[in-house]
Amino acid sequence: MRDTVAVRTTGQEPTPMPRLALYALVVCALAMAAAAVSFVRGSWLGIVWVLLVGVSSNMAWYYLRRAKVTGAGTGTGTGAGTGSVKG
């Protein structure tokens, strides 16, 4: 007997992560690592890195949310999906 698996399709592909959000997440991860290294070495400069983590995580959230609202998951917000064409 053959087992079959039912696959539910909605007709839409999952949208890829916007490029600016991906860059912001990379900066967030690198700043978090830099903050940890700074604090382990006893430097108070890690506070600046922690602040950068906060800013970059907020930027990533903003760009992901904007892409979800506008429906343009592949661009940086300056191309397709940000305006309307009247004709």
PDB file of N, CA and C in Angstrom:
ATOM      1  N   MET A   1       0.827  -1.183   0.000  1.00  0.00           N
ATOM      2  CA  MET A   1       0.000   0.000   0.000  1.00  0.00           C
ATOM      3  C   MET A   1       0.874   1.251   0.000  1.00  0.00           C
ATOM      4  N   ARG A   2       0.415   2.253  -0.640  1.00  0.00           N
ATOM      5  CA  ARG A   2       1.193   3.478  -0.772  1.00  0.00           C
ATOM      6  C   ARG A   2       0.600   4.573   0.095  1.00  0.00           C
ATOM      7  N   ASP A   3       1.451   5.204   0.879  1.00  0.00           N
ATOM      8  CA  ASP A   3       0.994   6.309   1.725  1.00  0.00           C
ATOM      9  C   ASP A   3       1.045   7.607   0.935  1.00  0.00           C
ATOM     10  N   THR A   4       0.010   8.371   1.067  1.00  0.00           N
ATOM     11  CA  THR A   4      -0.013   9.674   0.403  1.00  0.00           C
ATOM     12  C   THR A   4      -0.096  10.761   1.455  1.00  0.00           C
ATOM     13  N   VAL A   5       0.523  11.850   1.154  1.00  0.00           N
ATOM     14  CA  VAL A   5       0.521  12.979   2.062  1.00  0.00           C
ATOM     15  C   VAL A   5      -0.230  14.122   1.393  1.00  0.00           C
ATOM     16  N   ALA A   6      -1.212  14.619   2.087  1.00  0.00           N
ATOM     17  CA  ALA A   6      -1.977  15.745   1.551  1.00  0.00           C
ATOM     18  C   ALA A   6      -1.196  17.028   1.781  1.00  0.00           C
ATOM     19  N   VAL A   7      -1.017  17.787   0.718  1.00  0.00           N
ATOM     20  CA  VAL A   7      -0.281  19.043   0.799  1.00  0.00           C
ATOM     21  C   VAL A   7      -1.261  20.172   0.553  1.00  0.00           C
ATOM     22  N   ARG A   8      -1.299  21.077   1.471  1.00  0.00           N
ATOM     23  CA  ARG A   8      -2.198  22.213   1.345  1.00  0.00           C
ATOM     24  C   ARG A   8      -1.457  23.344   0.638  1.00  0.00           C
ATOM     25  N   THR A   9      -1.999  23.791  -0.466  1.00  0.00           N
ATOM     26  CA  THR A   9      -1.379  24.888  -1.202  1.00  0.00           C
ATOM     27  C   THR A   9      -2.345  26.054  -1.260  1.00  0.00           C
ATOM     28  N   THR A  10      -1.783  27.222  -1.122  1.00  0.00           N
ATOM     29  CA  THR A  10      -2.610  28.426  -1.187  1.00  0.00           C
ATOM     30  C   THR A  10      -2.403  29.170  -2.488  1.00  0.00           C
ATOM     31  N   GLY A  11      -1.477  28.676  -3.313  1.00  0.00           N
ATOM     32  CA  GLY A  11      -1.222  29.352  -4.569  1.00  0.00           C
ATOM     33  C   GLY A  11      -0.201  30.472  -4.444  1.00  0.00           C
ATOM     34  N   GLN A  12       0.342  30.670  -3.263  1.00  0.00           N
ATOM     35  CA  GLN A  12       1.323  31.719  -3.060  1.00  0.00           C
ATOM     36  C   GLN A  12       2.597  31.124  -2.517  1.00  0.00           C
ATOM     37  N   GLU A  13       3.705  31.590  -3.061  1.00  0.00           N
ATOM     38  CA  GLU A  13       5.009  31.181  -2.552  1.00  0.00           C
ATOM     39  C   GLU A  13       5.345  32.052  -1.351  1.00  0.00           C
ATOM     40  N   PRO A  14       6.085  31.523  -0.382  1.00  0.00           N
ATOM     41  CA  PRO A  14       6.524  32.371   0.717  1.00  0.00           C
ATOM     42  C   PRO A  14       7.483  33.439   0.191  1.00  0.00           C
ATOM     43  N   THR A  15       7.321  34.638   0.665  1.00  0.00           N
ATOM     44  CA  THR A  15       8.154  35.725   0.170  1.00  0.00           C
ATOM     45  C   THR A  15       9.514  35.692   0.851  1.00  0.00           C
ATOM     46  N   PRO A  16      10.558  35.959   0.093  1.00  0.00           N
ATOM     47  CA  PRO A  16      11.888  35.980   0.711  1.00  0.00           C
ATOM     48  C   PRO A  16      12.059  37.215   1.589  1.00  0.00           C
ATOM     49  N   MET A  17      13.032  37.152   2.477  1.00  0.00           N
ATOM     50  CA  MET A  17      13.292  38.253   3.396  1.00  0.00           C
ATOM     51  C   MET A  17      13.831  39.449   2.616  1.00  0.00           C
ATOM     52  N   PRO A  18      13.329  40.655   2.895  1.00  0.00           N
ATOM     53  CA  PRO A  18      13.851  41.846   2.222  1.00  0.00           C
ATOM     54  C   PRO A  18      15.335  42.037   2.538  1.00  0.00           C
ATOM     55  N   ARG A  19      16.049  42.566   1.563  1.00  0.00           N
ATOM     56  CA  ARG A  19      17.494  42.690   1.688  1.00  0.00           C
ATOM     57  C   ARG A  19      17.921  43.576   2.848  1.00  0.00           C
ATOM     58  N   LEU A  20      17.262  44.708   3.031  1.00  0.00           N
ATOM     59  CA  LEU A  20      17.650  45.604   4.125  1.00  0.00           C
ATOM     60  C   LEU A  20      17.395  44.975   5.490  1.00  0.00           C
ATOM     61  N   ALA A  21      16.338  44.200   5.607  1.00  0.00           N
ATOM     62  CA  ALA A  21      16.077  43.512   6.870  1.00  0.00           C
ATOM     63  C   ALA A  21      17.150  42.467   7.145  1.00  0.00           C
ATOM     64  N   LEU A  22      17.594  41.779   6.111  1.00  0.00           N
ATOM     65  CA  LEU A  22      18.654  40.795   6.274  1.00  0.00           C
ATOM     66  C   LEU A  22      19.956  41.468   6.702  1.00  0.00           C
ATOM     67  N   TYR A  23      20.295  42.586   6.079  1.00  0.00           N
ATOM     68  CA  TYR A  23      21.499  43.322   6.472  1.00  0.00           C
ATOM     69  C   TYR A  23      21.402  43.796   7.919  1.00  0.00           C
ATOM     70  N   ALA A  24      20.241  44.264   8.324  1.00  0.00           N
ATOM     71  CA  ALA A  24      20.072  44.739   9.697  1.00  0.00           C
ATOM     72  C   ALA A  24      20.218  43.588  10.695  1.00  0.00           C
ATOM     73  N   LEU A  25      19.728  42.399  10.334  1.00  0.00           N
ATOM     74  CA  LEU A  25      19.896  41.245  11.216  1.00  0.00           C
ATOM     75  C   LEU A  25      21.359  40.821  11.327  1.00  0.00           C
ATOM     76  N   VAL A  26      22.099  40.924  10.230  1.00  0.00           N
ATOM     77  CA  VAL A  26      23.524  40.602  10.263  1.00  0.00           C
ATOM     78  C   VAL A  26      24.260  41.590  11.158  1.00  0.00           C
ATOM     79  N   VAL A  27      23.948  42.880  11.022  1.00  0.00           N
ATOM     80  CA  VAL A  27      24.570  43.900  11.870  1.00  0.00           C
ATOM     81  C   VAL A  27      24.207  43.651  13.334  1.00  0.00           C
ATOM     82  N   CYS A  28      22.981  43.266  13.588  1.00  0.00           N
ATOM     83  CA  CYS A  28      22.543  42.981  14.953  1.00  0.00           C
ATOM     84  C   CYS A  28      23.343  41.831  15.557  1.00  0.00           C
ATOM     85  N   ALA A  29      23.519  40.764  14.805  1.00  0.00           N
ATOM     86  CA  ALA A  29      24.270  39.615  15.309  1.00  0.00           C
ATOM     87  C   ALA A  29      25.738  39.963  15.544  1.00  0.00           C
ATOM     88  N   LEU A  30      26.334  40.702  14.614  1.00  0.00           N
ATOM     89  CA  LEU A  30      27.738  41.082  14.777  1.00  0.00           C
ATOM     90  C   LEU A  30      27.928  42.043  15.948  1.00  0.00           C
ATOM     91  N   ALA A  31      26.997  42.965  16.125  1.00  0.00           N
ATOM     92  CA  ALA A  31      27.095  43.901  17.248  1.00  0.00           C
ATOM     93  C   ALA A  31      26.913  43.181  18.578  1.00  0.00           C
ATOM     94  N   MET A  32      26.059  42.166  18.591  1.00  0.00           N
ATOM     95  CA  MET A  32      25.870  41.395  19.821  1.00  0.00           C
ATOM     96  C   MET A  32      27.156  40.643  20.179  1.00  0.00           C
ATOM     97  N   ALA A  33      27.806  40.078  19.174  1.00  0.00           N
ATOM     98  CA  ALA A  33      29.074  39.386  19.422  1.00  0.00           C
ATOM     99  C   ALA A  33      30.147  40.372  19.885  1.00  0.00           C
ATOM    100  N   ALA A  34      30.182  41.551  19.273  1.00  0.00           N
ATOM    101  CA  ALA A  34      31.164  42.561  19.664  1.00  0.00           C
ATOM    102  C   ALA A  34      30.919  43.041  21.091  1.00  0.00           C
ATOM    103  N   ALA A  35      29.663  43.172  21.475  1.00  0.00           N
ATOM    104  CA  ALA A  35      29.344  43.581  22.846  1.00  0.00           C
ATOM    105  C   ALA A  35      29.798  42.521  23.848  1.00  0.00           C
ATOM    106  N   ALA A  36      29.568  41.269  23.521  1.00  0.00           N
ATOM    107  CA  ALA A  36      29.987  40.199  24.422  1.00  0.00           C
ATOM    108  C   ALA A  36      31.507  40.185  24.585  1.00  0.00           C
ATOM    109  N   VAL A  37      32.223  40.332  23.476  1.00  0.00           N
ATOM    110  CA  VAL A  37      33.684  40.351  23.538  1.00  0.00           C
ATOM    111  C   VAL A  37      34.167  41.557  24.338  1.00  0.00           C
ATOM    112  N   SER A  38      33.546  42.706  24.135  1.00  0.00           N
ATOM    113  CA  SER A  38      33.949  43.909  24.864  1.00  0.00           C
ATOM    114  C   SER A  38      33.742  43.751  26.361  1.00  0.00           C
ATOM    115  N   PHE A  39      32.619  43.205  26.760  1.00  0.00           N
ATOM    116  CA  PHE A  39      32.352  43.043  28.185  1.00  0.00           C
ATOM    117  C   PHE A  39      33.256  41.979  28.808  1.00  0.00           C
ATOM    118  N   VAL A  40      33.570  40.922  28.053  1.00  0.00           N
ATOM    119  CA  VAL A  40      34.467  39.887  28.578  1.00  0.00           C
ATOM    120  C   VAL A  40      35.862  40.467  28.798  1.00  0.00           C
ATOM    121  N   ARG A  41      36.275  41.357  27.916  1.00  0.00           N
ATOM    122  CA  ARG A  41      37.593  41.990  28.061  1.00  0.00           C
ATOM    123  C   ARG A  41      37.590  43.102  29.108  1.00  0.00           C
ATOM    124  N   GLY A  42      36.451  43.433  29.647  1.00  0.00           N
ATOM    125  CA  GLY A  42      36.376  44.445  30.693  1.00  0.00           C
ATOM    126  C   GLY A  42      36.214  45.862  30.183  1.00  0.00           C
ATOM    127  N   SER A  43      35.869  46.000  28.916  1.00  0.00           N
ATOM    128  CA  SER A  43      35.720  47.323  28.332  1.00  0.00           C
ATOM    129  C   SER A  43      34.265  47.774  28.426  1.00  0.00           C
ATOM    130  N   TRP A  44      34.082  49.027  28.784  1.00  0.00           N
ATOM    131  CA  TRP A  44      32.731  49.590  28.834  1.00  0.00           C
ATOM    132  C   TRP A  44      32.246  50.028  27.467  1.00  0.00           C
ATOM    133  N   LEU A  45      33.079  49.872  26.451  1.00  0.00           N
ATOM    134  CA  LEU A  45      32.679  50.193  25.082  1.00  0.00           C
ATOM    135  C   LEU A  45      31.538  49.277  24.616  1.00  0.00           C
ATOM    136  N   GLY A  46      31.346  48.161  25.317  1.00  0.00           N
ATOM    137  CA  GLY A  46      30.263  47.248  24.976  1.00  0.00           C
ATOM    138  C   GLY A  46      28.895  47.892  25.047  1.00  0.00           C
ATOM    139  N   ILE A  47      28.780  48.950  25.826  1.00  0.00           N
ATOM    140  CA  ILE A  47      27.494  49.659  25.913  1.00  0.00           C
ATOM    141  C   ILE A  47      27.108  50.236  24.557  1.00  0.00           C
ATOM    142  N   VAL A  48      28.093  50.749  23.827  1.00  0.00           N
ATOM    143  CA  VAL A  48      27.826  51.285  22.484  1.00  0.00           C
ATOM    144  C   VAL A  48      27.348  50.168  21.567  1.00  0.00           C
ATOM    145  N   TRP A  49      27.959  48.991  21.685  1.00  0.00           N
ATOM    146  CA  TRP A  49      27.545  47.861  20.863  1.00  0.00           C
ATOM    147  C   TRP A  49      26.128  47.411  21.213  1.00  0.00           C
ATOM    148  N   VAL A  50      25.778  47.448  22.486  1.00  0.00           N
ATOM    149  CA  VAL A  50      24.416  47.080  22.894  1.00  0.00           C
ATOM    150  C   VAL A  50      23.402  48.061  22.310  1.00  0.00           C
ATOM    151  N   LEU A  51      23.743  49.335  22.301  1.00  0.00           N
ATOM    152  CA  LEU A  51      22.854  50.321  21.684  1.00  0.00           C
ATOM    153  C   LEU A  51      22.696  50.059  20.187  1.00  0.00           C
ATOM    154  N   LEU A  52      23.778  49.679  19.534  1.00  0.00           N
ATOM    155  CA  LEU A  52      23.709  49.355  18.106  1.00  0.00           C
ATOM    156  C   LEU A  52      22.849  48.120  17.871  1.00  0.00           C
ATOM    157  N   VAL A  53      22.893  47.154  18.785  1.00  0.00           N
ATOM    158  CA  VAL A  53      22.022  45.978  18.685  1.00  0.00           C
ATOM    159  C   VAL A  53      20.558  46.412  18.721  1.00  0.00           C
ATOM    160  N   GLY A  54      20.224  47.323  19.622  1.00  0.00           N
ATOM    161  CA  GLY A  54      18.840  47.797  19.710  1.00  0.00           C
ATOM    162  C   GLY A  54      18.378  48.503  18.454  1.00  0.00           C
ATOM    163  N   VAL A  55      19.225  49.365  17.923  1.00  0.00           N
ATOM    164  CA  VAL A  55      18.853  50.106  16.707  1.00  0.00           C
ATOM    165  C   VAL A  55      18.715  49.156  15.521  1.00  0.00           C
ATOM    166  N   SER A  56      19.669  48.251  15.347  1.00  0.00           N
ATOM    167  CA  SER A  56      19.620  47.364  14.183  1.00  0.00           C
ATOM    168  C   SER A  56      18.470  46.364  14.277  1.00  0.00           C
ATOM    169  N   SER A  57      18.127  45.909  15.478  1.00  0.00           N
ATOM    170  CA  SER A  57      16.979  45.002  15.586  1.00  0.00           C
ATOM    171  C   SER A  57      15.676  45.733  15.284  1.00  0.00           C
ATOM    172  N   ASN A  58      15.583  46.978  15.694  1.00  0.00           N
ATOM    173  CA  ASN A  58      14.392  47.763  15.350  1.00  0.00           C
ATOM    174  C   ASN A  58      14.308  48.013  13.850  1.00  0.00           C
ATOM    175  N   MET A  59      15.447  48.244  13.211  1.00  0.00           N
ATOM    176  CA  MET A  59      15.449  48.422  11.755  1.00  0.00           C
ATOM    177  C   MET A  59      15.006  47.153  11.049  1.00  0.00           C
ATOM    178  N   ALA A  60      15.496  46.003  11.517  1.00  0.00           N
ATOM    179  CA  ALA A  60      15.100  44.733  10.896  1.00  0.00           C
ATOM    180  C   ALA A  60      13.602  44.516  11.044  1.00  0.00           C
ATOM    181  N   TRP A  61      13.070  44.777  12.233  1.00  0.00           N
ATOM    182  CA  TRP A  61      11.625  44.623  12.448  1.00  0.00           C
ATOM    183  C   TRP A  61      10.845  45.566  11.533  1.00  0.00           C
ATOM    184  N   TYR A  62      11.311  46.810  11.398  1.00  0.00           N
ATOM    185  CA  TYR A  62      10.623  47.794  10.564  1.00  0.00           C
ATOM    186  C   TYR A  62      10.582  47.348   9.105  1.00  0.00           C
ATOM    187  N   TYR A  63      11.726  46.924   8.572  1.00  0.00           N
ATOM    188  CA  TYR A  63      11.765  46.529   7.168  1.00  0.00           C
ATOM    189  C   TYR A  63      10.969  45.262   6.903  1.00  0.00           C
ATOM    190  N   LEU A  64      10.968  44.321   7.837  1.00  0.00           N
ATOM    191  CA  LEU A  64      10.134  43.131   7.673  1.00  0.00           C
ATOM    192  C   LEU A  64       8.658  43.485   7.703  1.00  0.00           C
ATOM    193  N   ARG A  65       8.281  44.343   8.625  1.00  0.00           N
ATOM    194  CA  ARG A  65       6.879  44.753   8.738  1.00  0.00           C
ATOM    195  C   ARG A  65       6.422  45.529   7.511  1.00  0.00           C
ATOM    196  N   ARG A  66       7.300  46.426   7.021  1.00  0.00           N
ATOM    197  CA  ARG A  66       6.952  47.215   5.837  1.00  0.00           C
ATOM    198  C   ARG A  66       6.777  46.318   4.626  1.00  0.00           C
ATOM    199  N   ALA A  67       7.646  45.309   4.492  1.00  0.00           N
ATOM    200  CA  ALA A  67       7.511  44.392   3.364  1.00  0.00           C
ATOM    201  C   ALA A  67       6.234  43.577   3.469  1.00  0.00           C
ATOM    202  N   LYS A  68       5.845  43.209   4.674  1.00  0.00           N
ATOM    203  CA  LYS A  68       4.619  42.435   4.852  1.00  0.00           C
ATOM    204  C   LYS A  68       3.390  43.275   4.529  1.00  0.00           C
ATOM    205  N   VAL A  69       3.412  44.542   4.930  1.00  0.00           N
ATOM    206  CA  VAL A  69       2.263  45.416   4.698  1.00  0.00           C
ATOM    207  C   VAL A  69       2.122  45.770   3.225  1.00  0.00           C
ATOM    208  N   THR A  70       3.239  46.094   2.568  1.00  0.00           N
ATOM    209  CA  THR A  70       3.171  46.490   1.159  1.00  0.00           C
ATOM    210  C   THR A  70       3.089  45.298   0.232  1.00  0.00           C
ATOM    211  N   GLY A  71       3.468  44.115   0.720  1.00  0.00           N
ATOM    212  CA  GLY A  71       3.413  42.941  -0.121  1.00  0.00           C
ATOM    213  C   GLY A  71       4.622  42.791  -1.010  1.00  0.00           C
ATOM    214  N   ALA A  72       5.574  43.674  -0.892  1.00  0.00           N
ATOM    215  CA  ALA A  72       6.799  43.596  -1.690  1.00  0.00           C
ATOM    216  C   ALA A  72       7.881  42.995  -0.829  1.00  0.00           C
ATOM    217  N   GLY A  73       8.059  41.702  -0.921  1.00  0.00           N
ATOM    218  CA  GLY A  73       9.025  41.030  -0.072  1.00  0.00           C
ATOM    219  C   GLY A  73      10.415  40.934  -0.653  1.00  0.00           C
ATOM    220  N   THR A  74      10.599  41.333  -1.909  1.00  0.00           N
ATOM    221  CA  THR A  74      11.906  41.131  -2.524  1.00  0.00           C
ATOM    222  C   THR A  74      12.686  42.412  -2.706  1.00  0.00           C
ATOM    223  N   GLY A  75      12.072  43.556  -2.648  1.00  0.00           N
ATOM    224  CA  GLY A  75      12.788  44.785  -2.923  1.00  0.00           C
ATOM    225  C   GLY A  75      13.203  45.517  -1.671  1.00  0.00           C
ATOM    226  N   THR A  76      13.790  46.682  -1.880  1.00  0.00           N
ATOM    227  CA  THR A  76      14.218  47.494  -0.754  1.00  0.00           C
ATOM    228  C   THR A  76      13.200  48.585  -0.453  1.00  0.00           C
ATOM    229  N   GLY A  77      12.061  48.533  -1.106  1.00  0.00           N
ATOM    230  CA  GLY A  77      11.040  49.528  -0.852  1.00  0.00           C
ATOM    231  C   GLY A  77      11.060  50.673  -1.842  1.00  0.00           C
ATOM    232  N   THR A  78      12.033  50.666  -2.756  1.00  0.00           N
ATOM    233  CA  THR A  78      12.116  51.763  -3.707  1.00  0.00           C
ATOM    234  C   THR A  78      11.668  51.341  -5.094  1.00  0.00           C
ATOM    235  N   GLY A  79      11.325  50.089  -5.261  1.00  0.00           N
ATOM    236  CA  GLY A  79      10.971  49.603  -6.589  1.00  0.00           C
ATOM    237  C   GLY A  79       9.505  49.232  -6.674  1.00  0.00           C
ATOM    238  N   ALA A  80       9.258  48.062  -7.208  1.00  0.00           N
ATOM    239  CA  ALA A  80       7.903  47.599  -7.447  1.00  0.00           C
ATOM    240  C   ALA A  80       7.157  47.402  -6.128  1.00  0.00           C
ATOM    241  N   GLY A  81       5.888  47.714  -6.151  1.00  0.00           N
ATOM    242  CA  GLY A  81       5.059  47.488  -4.992  1.00  0.00           C
ATOM    243  C   GLY A  81       4.958  48.673  -4.060  1.00  0.00           C
ATOM    244  N   THR A  82       5.634  49.769  -4.373  1.00  0.00           N
ATOM    245  CA  THR A  82       5.586  50.917  -3.475  1.00  0.00           C
ATOM    246  C   THR A  82       4.736  52.057  -4.020  1.00  0.00           C
ATOM    247  N   GLY A  83       4.321  51.955  -5.234  1.00  0.00           N
ATOM    248  CA  GLY A  83       3.531  53.038  -5.814  1.00  0.00           C
ATOM    249  C   GLY A  83       2.399  52.472  -6.629  1.00  0.00           C
ATOM    250  N   SER A  84       1.653  53.333  -7.267  1.00  0.00           N
ATOM    251  CA  SER A  84       0.567  52.875  -8.106  1.00  0.00           C
ATOM    252  C   SER A  84       0.718  53.487  -9.489  1.00  0.00           C
ATOM    253  N   VAL A  85       0.270  52.751 -10.463  1.00  0.00           N
ATOM    254  CA  VAL A  85       0.350  53.210 -11.836  1.00  0.00           C
ATOM    255  C   VAL A  85      -1.070  53.506 -12.300  1.00  0.00           C
ATOM    256  N   LYS A  86      -1.254  54.718 -12.777  1.00  0.00           N
ATOM    257  CA  LYS A  86      -2.566  55.095 -13.294  1.00  0.00           C
ATOM    258  C   LYS A  86      -2.489  55.129 -14.802  1.00  0.00           C
ATOM    259  N   GLY A  87      -3.464  54.507 -15.409  1.00  0.00           N
ATOM    260  CA  GLY A  87      -3.344  54.484 -16.860  1.00  0.00           C
ATOM    261  C   GLY A  87      -4.597  54.517 -17.522  1.00  0.00           C
TER     262      GLY A  87
END
